[in-house]
Amino acid sequence: MSFISYSQNFEDVLLWRALGHVQNGCYIDVGANDPVLHSVTKAFYDAGWHGINIEPMPSYRQPFEQQRPRDINLTCAAGAAPGELILFEVPSMNGWATTDAGVAAMHRAQGYEVTETHVPVHTLAAICEQHAPRDIHFLKIDVEGFEAEVLKGMDFERFRPWIVVVEATLPGSRETNHDTWEHLVTPHRYRFAYFDGLNRYYVAEEHAGLMAALTVQANVFDEFVSHHLVAAQEENSTLAAQVGSHWQRVEQQSALLEERGQQLDHAARELERIDAALREAAQAIAAGHEKAEELSAEIRAAQDREKALHADLLRTDEWGRNLEQRLLAVYASTSWRITAPLRYIARRGPDSLPNMARRKAKGAARRTLRWLTAQESLRRTLLPVIDRSPWLQACVARFLTAAKSATADTPAATAAVPHQLRDLPQSARTVLADLQRTYQKQDQAKS
């Protein structure tokens, strides 16, 4: 498996080349800054090492506590003597924090914003005495121009890091400044081993065998990859997985859309069928409306006929009541009482009377018939009634026959008389003819 480098200038690659054989080693990182970004110790921590992280900026304490639980994480500065100092930081540039007022002034001159924070100061020797184990495998110092003060507070005779790595250029510059602090290292039996363009590497004389590993820059034979590349690969893998998942969802959505399309086609066909059915229903409804209108017209015509029939009934009822009144008037009239003998004779027959009575009766009957035939108003009243009723016609015929028999002295000739009128006397036939003519005139007047 390739070594993953987190440091800014592959410092951890060189240190791993020299110290990778050490199990559960220990480091001290002065100016640790961030637990991951540009960290020289992150790869060693992941390999099971532990150490002391010294970072004066309070904002970095929580990330170290969360990500480096095996480490000792100190929020302070390392200096020549215990006390307090002002830390100058450039918020826009990660890692640009220094205790050197001159460096801060340079940053301001370059247009960067610089903030100031008061932090406690402890000597590196005191920190080692309190927290460091017996073997310190490497010490790394990156304090942006404050290197000399840190080294002044270190006791290299008591605490012997195997390798010491110190940033040796001015912040943001290729200009070296090791001449201001190197004399604090080499007199304590440390040999200069390598300069990587940013840092100078020193090896304790008792571990001089590590010098050979620190003679060339990090290269392909170190079999390492930058964590930026790993992060990019992981991000790429994540993106690929997301893309795959996305395409899977796209395929699912496509399948769903295809299914929905089929459903829509089916729905469209169903809608066409329903539309056709609705058109047929509309036509049927229209035909029904026409039929309903026809029925309504028929109903209205029937209602009109009903009204006409009702009016006829009212008129007939009125005519019947009027006729009833007329008949009552006839029954109460003198003529009706006068003709009573005739009606009696018609019912009983003339032979039932004595001879003298028959002669008197015949005389009375002749006078009655002459009187009846002379009554125009009576004919106008009785004729419509008799003509409308076969029963009345039969009664009149019988009456006239009886009257004829009662008044006739000799048989009359019947050659030119209709068969149904032969039994009637001439005067009765004359009355009947008058009644018929009157009725015909009334019918003509009505039409």
Protein backbone atom coordinates (compact mmCIF):
# COMPACT_ATOMS: atom_id res chain seq x y z
CA MET A 1 0.00 0.00 0.00
CA SER A 2 1.34 3.44 -0.96
CA PHE A 3 2.36 5.93 1.71
CA ILE A 4 -0.06 8.91 1.88
CA SER A 5 1.69 12.25 2.33
CA TYR A 6 -0.13 15.12 4.04
CA SER A 7 2.75 17.56 4.45
CA GLN A 8 3.35 20.67 2.43
CA ASN A 9 6.76 19.76 0.96
CA PHE A 10 6.72 15.96 1.43
CA GLU A 11 8.58 16.24 4.73
CA ASP A 12 6.67 13.22 6.04
CA VAL A 13 7.90 11.16 3.05
CA LEU A 14 11.57 11.80 3.96
CA LEU A 15 10.91 11.17 7.65
CA TRP A 16 9.04 7.94 6.85
CA ARG A 17 11.94 6.84 4.65
CA ALA A 18 14.20 7.23 7.70
CA LEU A 19 11.85 6.20 10.51
CA GLY A 20 9.17 4.01 8.93
CA HIS A 21 10.66 0.94 10.59
CA VAL A 22 9.85 2.33 14.07
CA GLN A 23 6.71 0.96 15.71
CA ASN A 24 4.55 3.26 17.86
CA GLY A 25 7.01 6.13 17.61
CA CYS A 26 6.72 9.60 19.17
CA TYR A 27 6.89 13.07 17.61
CA ILE A 28 6.75 16.71 18.76
CA ASP A 29 5.16 19.19 16.36
CA VAL A 30 5.79 22.86 17.27
CA GLY A 31 3.44 25.02 15.20
CA ALA A 32 1.20 22.07 14.35
CA ASN A 33 -1.49 24.35 12.89
CA ASP A 34 -4.04 21.83 11.46
CA PRO A 35 -4.44 18.12 12.23
CA VAL A 36 -4.65 17.24 8.53
CA LEU A 37 -3.82 20.09 6.15
CA HIS A 38 -0.03 20.40 5.59
CA SER A 39 0.49 18.19 8.63
CA VAL A 40 3.91 16.48 8.96
CA THR A 41 2.57 14.12 11.66
CA LYS A 42 -0.84 12.99 10.24
CA ALA A 43 0.61 9.99 8.33
CA PHE A 44 2.58 8.86 11.42
CA TYR A 45 -0.52 9.16 13.63
CA ASP A 46 -2.43 7.01 11.16
CA ALA A 47 0.42 4.49 11.37
CA GLY A 48 -0.05 4.17 15.13
CA TRP A 49 2.36 6.87 16.38
CA HIS A 50 1.50 9.50 18.98
CA GLY A 51 3.02 12.78 20.11
CA ILE A 52 2.72 16.35 21.30
CA ASN A 53 1.05 19.01 19.17
CA ILE A 54 1.84 22.62 20.15
CA GLU A 55 -0.40 25.20 18.47
CA PRO A 56 -1.00 28.66 19.98
CA MET A 57 -4.14 29.43 17.95
CA PRO A 58 -7.23 28.56 20.10
CA SER A 59 -9.34 27.80 17.02
CA TYR A 60 -7.28 24.67 16.26
CA ARG A 61 -7.60 23.05 19.67
CA GLN A 62 -11.03 21.47 19.04
CA PRO A 63 -10.06 19.86 15.70
CA PHE A 64 -6.96 18.34 17.35
CA GLU A 65 -8.98 17.08 20.30
CA GLN A 66 -11.49 15.47 17.95
CA GLN A 67 -9.05 13.99 15.43
CA ARG A 68 -5.99 13.25 17.60
CA PRO A 69 -7.32 11.71 20.83
CA ARG A 70 -4.03 9.78 21.40
CA ASP A 71 -1.96 12.97 21.16
CA ILE A 72 -1.26 15.66 23.75
CA ASN A 73 -2.66 18.87 22.26
CA LEU A 74 -1.41 22.12 23.81
CA THR A 75 -2.79 25.59 23.08
CA CYS A 76 0.33 27.63 23.80
CA ALA A 77 3.52 28.91 22.23
CA ALA A 78 7.02 27.53 22.76
CA GLY A 79 9.58 30.22 23.57
CA ALA A 80 12.86 31.03 25.22
CA ALA A 81 11.18 31.65 28.59
CA PRO A 82 7.75 31.14 30.10
CA GLY A 83 5.34 34.06 29.91
CA GLU A 84 2.93 35.49 27.34
CA LEU A 85 3.29 36.86 23.85
CA ILE A 86 1.26 38.34 21.03
CA LEU A 87 0.56 35.96 18.16
CA PHE A 88 0.14 37.54 14.73
CA GLU A 89 -2.04 35.62 12.28
CA VAL A 90 -3.06 36.13 8.64
CA PRO A 91 -6.63 34.67 8.53
CA SER A 92 -6.67 34.44 4.73
CA MET A 93 -3.52 32.25 4.62
CA ASN A 94 -3.56 28.95 6.47
CA GLY A 95 -0.42 28.48 8.58
CA TRP A 96 0.69 32.09 8.46
CA ALA A 97 0.84 32.67 12.21
CA THR A 98 3.95 34.13 13.87
CA THR A 99 5.15 35.70 17.06
CA ASP A 100 7.63 37.86 15.18
CA ALA A 101 6.35 41.44 14.94
CA GLY A 102 8.73 42.04 12.02
CA VAL A 103 7.19 39.20 10.02
CA ALA A 104 3.71 40.54 10.84
CA ALA A 105 4.78 43.96 9.58
CA MET A 106 6.01 42.37 6.35
CA HIS A 107 2.64 40.68 5.85
CA ARG A 108 0.82 43.95 6.38
CA ALA A 109 3.12 45.63 3.89
CA GLN A 110 2.12 42.96 1.35
CA GLY A 111 -1.56 43.89 1.87
CA TYR A 112 -2.63 41.02 4.13
CA GLU A 113 -4.89 41.48 7.12
CA VAL A 114 -3.12 40.55 10.36
CA THR A 115 -4.86 39.77 13.67
CA GLU A 116 -3.30 39.68 17.15
CA THR A 117 -3.93 37.13 19.92
CA HIS A 118 -2.39 36.92 23.38
CA VAL A 119 -1.21 33.37 24.16
CA PRO A 120 0.76 31.75 27.01
CA VAL A 121 4.39 30.76 26.44
CA HIS A 122 6.20 27.66 27.77
CA THR A 123 9.72 26.48 27.05
CA LEU A 124 10.07 23.39 24.88
CA ALA A 125 12.22 21.82 27.56
CA ALA A 126 9.47 22.26 30.16
CA ILE A 127 6.92 20.77 27.77
CA CYS A 128 9.18 17.78 27.10
CA GLU A 129 9.83 17.32 30.79
CA GLN A 130 6.10 17.25 31.51
CA HIS A 131 4.80 15.29 28.49
CA ALA A 132 7.54 13.68 26.36
CA PRO A 133 8.51 9.98 26.62
CA ARG A 134 12.10 8.82 26.74
CA ASP A 135 12.47 8.46 22.96
CA ILE A 136 11.46 11.39 20.73
CA HIS A 137 11.88 10.18 17.16
CA PHE A 138 11.52 13.55 15.44
CA LEU A 139 10.99 17.19 16.35
CA LYS A 140 9.47 19.49 13.77
CA ILE A 141 9.46 23.31 14.20
CA ASP A 142 7.47 25.62 11.91
CA VAL A 143 6.80 28.93 13.67
CA GLU A 144 7.11 31.53 10.92
CA GLY A 145 10.30 33.34 11.99
CA PHE A 146 10.17 32.47 15.73
CA GLU A 147 12.45 29.44 15.36
CA ALA A 148 15.34 30.94 17.34
CA GLU A 149 13.13 31.61 20.39
CA VAL A 150 11.78 28.05 20.33
CA LEU A 151 15.27 26.54 20.09
CA LYS A 152 16.51 28.73 22.93
CA GLY A 153 13.95 27.09 25.23
CA MET A 154 15.01 23.52 24.27
CA ASP A 155 17.46 21.36 26.24
CA PHE A 156 19.05 19.10 23.60
CA GLU A 157 21.27 17.48 26.16
CA ARG A 158 18.36 16.09 28.18
CA PHE A 159 15.91 15.49 25.33
CA ARG A 160 17.40 13.98 22.20
CA PRO A 161 15.06 13.86 19.20
CA TRP A 162 16.51 11.46 16.59
CA ILE A 163 15.77 13.93 13.77
CA VAL A 164 15.14 17.69 14.00
CA VAL A 165 13.34 19.44 11.13
CA VAL A 166 13.23 23.26 11.17
CA GLU A 167 11.63 25.56 8.58
CA ALA A 168 14.57 27.54 7.18
CA THR A 169 13.03 30.25 4.93
CA LEU A 170 11.25 33.48 5.60
CA PRO A 171 7.41 33.12 5.40
CA GLY A 172 6.28 33.03 1.78
CA SER A 173 9.84 33.41 0.52
CA ARG A 174 12.77 31.31 -0.75
CA GLU A 175 15.16 33.40 1.32
CA THR A 176 16.74 31.29 4.03
CA ASN A 177 17.09 32.41 7.65
CA HIS A 178 18.83 29.38 9.22
CA ASP A 179 21.86 31.47 10.03
CA THR A 180 19.86 33.08 12.83
CA TRP A 181 19.22 29.83 14.72
CA GLU A 182 21.36 26.95 13.38
CA HIS A 183 24.01 27.64 16.01
CA LEU A 184 21.42 26.59 18.58
CA VAL A 185 21.27 23.07 17.09
CA THR A 186 24.58 21.84 15.66
CA PRO A 187 26.69 22.43 18.79
CA HIS A 188 24.56 19.84 20.56
CA ARG A 189 25.88 16.96 18.44
CA TYR A 190 23.39 17.26 15.59
CA ARG A 191 24.58 16.92 12.00
CA PHE A 192 23.01 18.77 9.06
CA ALA A 193 21.62 16.14 6.68
CA TYR A 194 19.44 17.74 4.00
CA PHE A 195 17.73 20.91 2.77
CA ASP A 196 14.52 20.30 0.80
CA GLY A 197 14.06 23.92 -0.29
CA LEU A 198 11.95 24.77 2.73
CA ASN A 199 13.27 22.84 5.73
CA ARG A 200 16.68 21.80 7.06
CA TYR A 201 17.09 18.28 8.48
CA TYR A 202 19.46 17.45 11.35
CA VAL A 203 20.30 14.00 12.74
CA ALA A 204 21.57 13.26 16.25
CA GLU A 205 25.09 11.79 16.13
CA GLU A 206 23.97 8.70 18.06
CA HIS A 207 21.57 7.96 15.14
CA ALA A 208 23.93 8.85 12.34
CA GLY A 209 22.78 5.80 10.39
CA LEU A 210 19.65 7.74 9.47
CA MET A 211 21.72 10.23 7.46
CA ALA A 212 21.67 8.05 4.33
CA ALA A 213 17.88 8.20 4.17
CA LEU A 214 17.97 12.01 4.11
CA THR A 215 20.22 12.68 1.14
CA VAL A 216 17.76 13.02 -1.76
CA GLN A 217 14.34 14.51 -2.28
CA ALA A 218 11.16 12.51 -2.10
CA ASN A 219 10.79 10.61 -5.35
CA VAL A 220 8.91 7.86 -7.13
CA PHE A 221 10.86 5.15 -5.34
CA ASP A 222 9.30 6.24 -2.06
CA GLU A 223 5.98 4.89 -3.37
CA PHE A 224 3.87 7.65 -1.96
CA VAL A 225 0.83 9.62 -3.07
CA SER A 226 -0.35 13.01 -1.98
CA HIS A 227 -3.45 13.01 0.17
CA HIS A 228 -4.78 15.65 -2.22
CA LEU A 229 -4.69 13.02 -4.93
CA VAL A 230 -6.21 10.45 -2.61
CA ALA A 231 -8.88 12.94 -1.64
CA ALA A 232 -9.47 13.68 -5.31
CA GLN A 233 -9.65 9.95 -6.06
CA GLU A 234 -12.03 9.41 -3.17
CA GLU A 235 -14.06 12.37 -4.30
CA ASN A 236 -13.92 10.98 -7.82
CA SER A 237 -15.01 7.58 -6.53
CA THR A 238 -17.77 9.24 -4.56
CA LEU A 239 -18.75 11.23 -7.61
CA ALA A 240 -18.54 8.09 -9.75
CA ALA A 241 -20.71 6.28 -7.24
CA GLN A 242 -23.05 9.22 -7.22
CA VAL A 243 -23.02 9.29 -11.01
CA GLY A 244 -23.64 5.54 -11.08
CA SER A 245 -26.41 5.94 -8.58
CA HIS A 246 -27.69 8.86 -10.59
CA TRP A 247 -27.61 6.84 -13.81
CA GLN A 248 -29.29 3.99 -12.00
CA ARG A 249 -31.98 6.41 -10.90
CA VAL A 250 -32.08 7.78 -14.45
CA GLU A 251 -32.55 4.26 -15.81
CA GLN A 252 -35.20 3.61 -13.20
CA GLN A 253 -36.82 6.89 -14.05
CA SER A 254 -36.55 6.06 -17.76
CA ALA A 255 -38.17 2.69 -17.14
CA LEU A 256 -40.78 4.41 -15.02
CA LEU A 257 -41.30 7.03 -17.72
CA GLU A 258 -41.63 4.30 -20.33
CA GLU A 259 -44.14 2.54 -18.13
CA ARG A 260 -45.91 5.83 -17.54
CA GLY A 261 -45.82 6.41 -21.31
CA GLN A 262 -47.48 3.06 -21.89
CA GLN A 263 -49.99 3.90 -19.20
CA LEU A 264 -50.58 7.26 -20.87
CA ASP A 265 -51.03 5.56 -24.26
CA HIS A 266 -53.50 3.16 -22.68
CA ALA A 267 -55.19 6.09 -20.95
CA ALA A 268 -55.29 7.98 -24.26
CA ARG A 269 -56.93 5.01 -25.99
CA GLU A 270 -59.31 4.69 -23.08
CA LEU A 271 -60.06 8.41 -23.33
CA GLU A 272 -60.73 8.01 -27.05
CA ARG A 273 -63.09 5.14 -26.28
CA ILE A 274 -64.76 7.20 -23.57
CA ASP A 275 -64.93 10.19 -25.94
CA ALA A 276 -66.59 8.04 -28.60
CA ALA A 277 -68.98 6.69 -25.99
CA LEU A 278 -69.68 10.23 -24.83
CA ARG A 279 -70.36 11.32 -28.41
CA GLU A 280 -72.73 8.40 -28.85
CA ALA A 281 -74.33 9.26 -25.52
CA ALA A 282 -74.59 12.91 -26.61
CA GLN A 283 -76.24 11.81 -29.85
CA ALA A 284 -78.56 9.54 -27.88
CA ILE A 285 -79.30 12.40 -25.50
CA ALA A 286 -79.96 14.70 -28.46
CA ALA A 287 -82.27 12.08 -29.97
CA GLY A 288 -83.85 11.69 -26.55
CA HIS A 289 -84.33 15.44 -26.39
CA GLU A 290 -85.98 15.37 -29.80
CA LYS A 291 -88.17 12.45 -28.72
CA ALA A 292 -88.89 14.23 -25.46
CA GLU A 293 -89.87 17.34 -27.43
CA GLU A 294 -92.12 15.20 -29.62
CA LEU A 295 -93.63 13.59 -26.53
CA SER A 296 -93.97 17.01 -24.95
CA ALA A 297 -95.79 18.21 -28.08
CA GLU A 298 -98.00 15.13 -27.97
CA ILE A 299 -98.61 15.71 -24.27
CA ARG A 300 -99.46 19.33 -24.94
CA ALA A 301 -101.81 18.25 -27.78
CA ALA A 302 -103.38 15.65 -25.48
CA GLN A 303 -103.70 18.32 -22.79
CA ASP A 304 -105.34 20.60 -25.35
CA ARG A 305 -107.71 17.78 -26.35
CA GLU A 306 -108.36 17.11 -22.69
CA LYS A 307 -109.17 20.76 -22.19
CA ALA A 308 -111.46 20.68 -25.24
CA LEU A 309 -113.15 17.52 -23.98
CA HIS A 310 -113.47 19.09 -20.58
CA ALA A 311 -115.03 22.16 -22.17
CA ASP A 312 -117.36 19.87 -24.16
CA LEU A 313 -118.25 18.05 -20.98
CA LEU A 314 -118.96 21.35 -19.30
CA ARG A 315 -121.11 22.39 -22.24
CA THR A 316 -122.83 18.98 -22.30
CA ASP A 317 -123.37 19.17 -18.57
CA GLU A 318 -124.80 22.65 -18.97
CA TRP A 319 -126.96 21.41 -21.87
CA GLY A 320 -128.14 18.45 -19.77
CA ARG A 321 -129.04 20.71 -16.85
CA ASN A 322 -130.81 23.05 -19.26
CA LEU A 323 -132.67 20.12 -20.83
CA GLU A 324 -133.56 18.83 -17.39
CA GLN A 325 -135.04 22.23 -16.56
CA ARG A 326 -136.95 22.25 -19.83
CA LEU A 327 -138.31 18.76 -19.24
CA LEU A 328 -139.33 19.79 -15.73
CA ALA A 329 -141.04 22.78 -17.31
CA VAL A 330 -142.75 20.47 -19.82
CA TYR A 331 -143.95 18.18 -17.04
CA ALA A 332 -145.34 21.18 -15.21
CA SER A 333 -146.95 22.71 -18.33
CA THR A 334 -150.67 22.74 -19.17
CA SER A 335 -150.01 20.92 -22.44
CA TRP A 336 -148.51 18.01 -20.60
CA ARG A 337 -151.57 17.79 -18.38
CA ILE A 338 -153.91 18.16 -21.36
CA THR A 339 -152.21 15.29 -23.22
CA ALA A 340 -152.52 13.01 -20.25
CA PRO A 341 -155.61 11.24 -21.74
CA LEU A 342 -153.67 10.57 -24.92
CA ARG A 343 -150.83 9.08 -22.98
CA TYR A 344 -153.31 6.99 -21.07
CA ILE A 345 -154.96 5.81 -24.29
CA ALA A 346 -151.51 5.07 -25.73
CA ARG A 347 -150.71 2.92 -22.75
CA ARG A 348 -154.14 1.19 -22.39
CA GLY A 349 -155.49 1.30 -25.95
CA PRO A 350 -158.85 2.85 -27.18
CA ASP A 351 -160.71 -0.41 -27.06
CA SER A 352 -160.66 -0.31 -23.33
CA LEU A 353 -163.17 2.62 -23.34
CA PRO A 354 -166.97 2.46 -23.91
CA ASN A 355 -168.32 3.51 -27.30
CA MET A 356 -169.44 6.96 -26.17
CA ALA A 357 -166.20 7.44 -24.29
CA ARG A 358 -164.19 6.28 -27.28
CA ARG A 359 -165.90 8.89 -29.43
CA LYS A 360 -165.18 11.56 -26.87
CA ALA A 361 -161.68 10.42 -26.47
CA LYS A 362 -161.11 10.45 -30.19
CA GLY A 363 -162.44 13.95 -30.38
CA ALA A 364 -160.19 15.04 -27.52
CA ALA A 365 -157.24 13.33 -29.13
CA ARG A 366 -157.84 15.10 -32.44
CA ARG A 367 -158.05 18.43 -30.69
CA THR A 368 -154.87 17.64 -28.70
CA LEU A 369 -152.91 16.66 -31.82
CA ARG A 370 -154.07 19.80 -33.63
CA TRP A 371 -152.98 21.87 -30.63
CA LEU A 372 -149.57 20.09 -30.41
CA THR A 373 -148.85 20.53 -34.08
CA ALA A 374 -149.68 24.18 -33.77
CA GLN A 375 -147.11 24.76 -30.94
CA GLU A 376 -143.90 25.83 -32.72
CA SER A 377 -141.98 26.38 -29.47
CA LEU A 378 -142.88 22.91 -28.27
CA ARG A 379 -141.63 21.37 -31.51
CA ARG A 380 -138.30 23.28 -31.22
CA THR A 381 -137.88 22.05 -27.66
CA LEU A 382 -138.82 18.39 -28.10
CA LEU A 383 -137.38 17.65 -31.54
CA PRO A 384 -133.63 17.79 -30.55
CA VAL A 385 -134.34 15.67 -27.52
CA ILE A 386 -136.33 13.04 -29.44
CA ASP A 387 -133.82 12.93 -32.30
CA ARG A 388 -130.87 12.31 -29.97
CA SER A 389 -132.52 9.46 -28.10
CA PRO A 390 -133.62 6.23 -29.89
CA TRP A 391 -135.70 5.37 -26.86
CA LEU A 392 -137.60 8.67 -27.09
CA GLN A 393 -138.03 8.15 -30.81
CA ALA A 394 -139.58 4.72 -30.11
CA CYS A 395 -141.84 6.23 -27.43
CA VAL A 396 -142.98 8.99 -29.81
CA ALA A 397 -143.61 6.40 -32.53
CA ARG A 398 -145.72 4.31 -30.19
CA PHE A 399 -147.54 7.41 -29.01
CA LEU A 400 -148.29 8.54 -32.54
CA THR A 401 -149.42 5.04 -33.50
CA ALA A 402 -151.77 4.97 -30.58
CA ALA A 403 -152.97 8.45 -31.38
CA LYS A 404 -153.57 7.42 -34.99
CA SER A 405 -155.58 4.41 -33.90
CA ALA A 406 -157.51 6.53 -31.44
CA THR A 407 -158.45 9.29 -33.91
CA ALA A 408 -158.70 7.52 -37.23
CA ASP A 409 -162.18 6.80 -38.64
CA THR A 410 -161.07 4.91 -41.76
CA PRO A 411 -157.79 3.35 -42.84
CA ALA A 412 -155.46 5.70 -44.69
CA ALA A 413 -153.53 4.98 -47.84
CA THR A 414 -149.91 4.12 -47.17
CA ALA A 415 -148.56 3.78 -50.67
CA ALA A 416 -146.14 6.71 -50.63
CA VAL A 417 -145.40 6.69 -46.90
CA PRO A 418 -142.17 5.08 -45.52
CA HIS A 419 -142.70 1.78 -43.86
CA GLN A 420 -141.72 3.03 -40.37
CA LEU A 421 -144.28 5.91 -40.64
CA ARG A 422 -147.23 4.06 -42.13
CA ASP A 423 -148.82 3.53 -38.77
CA LEU A 424 -148.79 7.26 -38.03
CA PRO A 425 -151.68 9.60 -38.92
CA GLN A 426 -151.06 12.36 -41.40
CA SER A 427 -151.07 15.00 -38.73
CA ALA A 428 -148.38 13.11 -36.73
CA ARG A 429 -146.28 12.66 -39.83
CA THR A 430 -146.58 16.37 -40.45
CA VAL A 431 -145.43 17.14 -36.88
CA LEU A 432 -142.48 14.77 -37.20
CA ALA A 433 -141.45 16.31 -40.51
CA ASP A 434 -141.61 19.80 -38.96
CA LEU A 435 -139.48 18.63 -36.05
CA GLN A 436 -136.89 17.14 -38.39
CA ARG A 437 -136.69 20.31 -40.50
CA THR A 438 -136.24 22.38 -37.36
CA TYR A 439 -133.43 20.13 -36.11
CA GLN A 440 -131.65 20.28 -39.51
CA LYS A 441 -131.81 24.09 -39.44
CA GLN A 442 -130.27 24.07 -35.95
CA ASP A 443 -127.44 21.75 -37.13
CA GLN A 444 -126.77 24.02 -40.09
CA ALA A 445 -126.71 27.04 -37.82
CA LYS A 446 -124.17 25.31 -35.50
CA SER A 447 -121.88 24.34 -38.39
